[in-house]
Amino acid sequence: MARGRAAVTAAEVADEFSRTAKVLVRRLDERLGEHGVSTPRSRLVAEVARSQPVRLTDLAHAVGIAQGTASTLVDGLVRDGLLERRPSADDRRAVLLHVTSDGAELARDWTAAYRRATDELFAPLGDDERAALVAMLRKLSTDQTPPTN
């Protein structure tokens, strides 16, 4: 701690993180809105394109949303012709998700636009700062053991 400087509380960190996350999501949505599909829906299409064929539960886990939310979003994406469900050749009870040709095109365009937008949004951070931020965020997202008193 620097001399004369008050320690930053966990609540201050949480508040700043929440504010920053909302700003970044809003800015990303503004830059990616031209694709006509919301960022959450686009992320699902891009993830299916990257990892197809994929089960719904694996897709939800990969993008960090609840399975019910993923199911609702996927229903709309299937209706819109961006994803399709196919039976698994290995397990006749399982259904696998695949992108359609329109979905693959959206995934390519959205992923390229996402990379451009994130490059712009994180430009104020140097390489070392980005690496440190990613390391801290990964630590927070994986180390969820409750503290002992």
Foldseek 3Di string as FASTA:
>chain_A
DDPPDDDDDPVNVVVVVVVVVVVLLVLLQVQLCVLVDGPVLLLLLLVCAVDPFDFLVVSCVVVVHDSVVSVVSVVVCVVVQQKDWDADPVDRVTITIHGDPVSNVSSVVSVVSSVVSVCVVCVVDDPVRVVVVVVVVVCVVPPPDDDDD
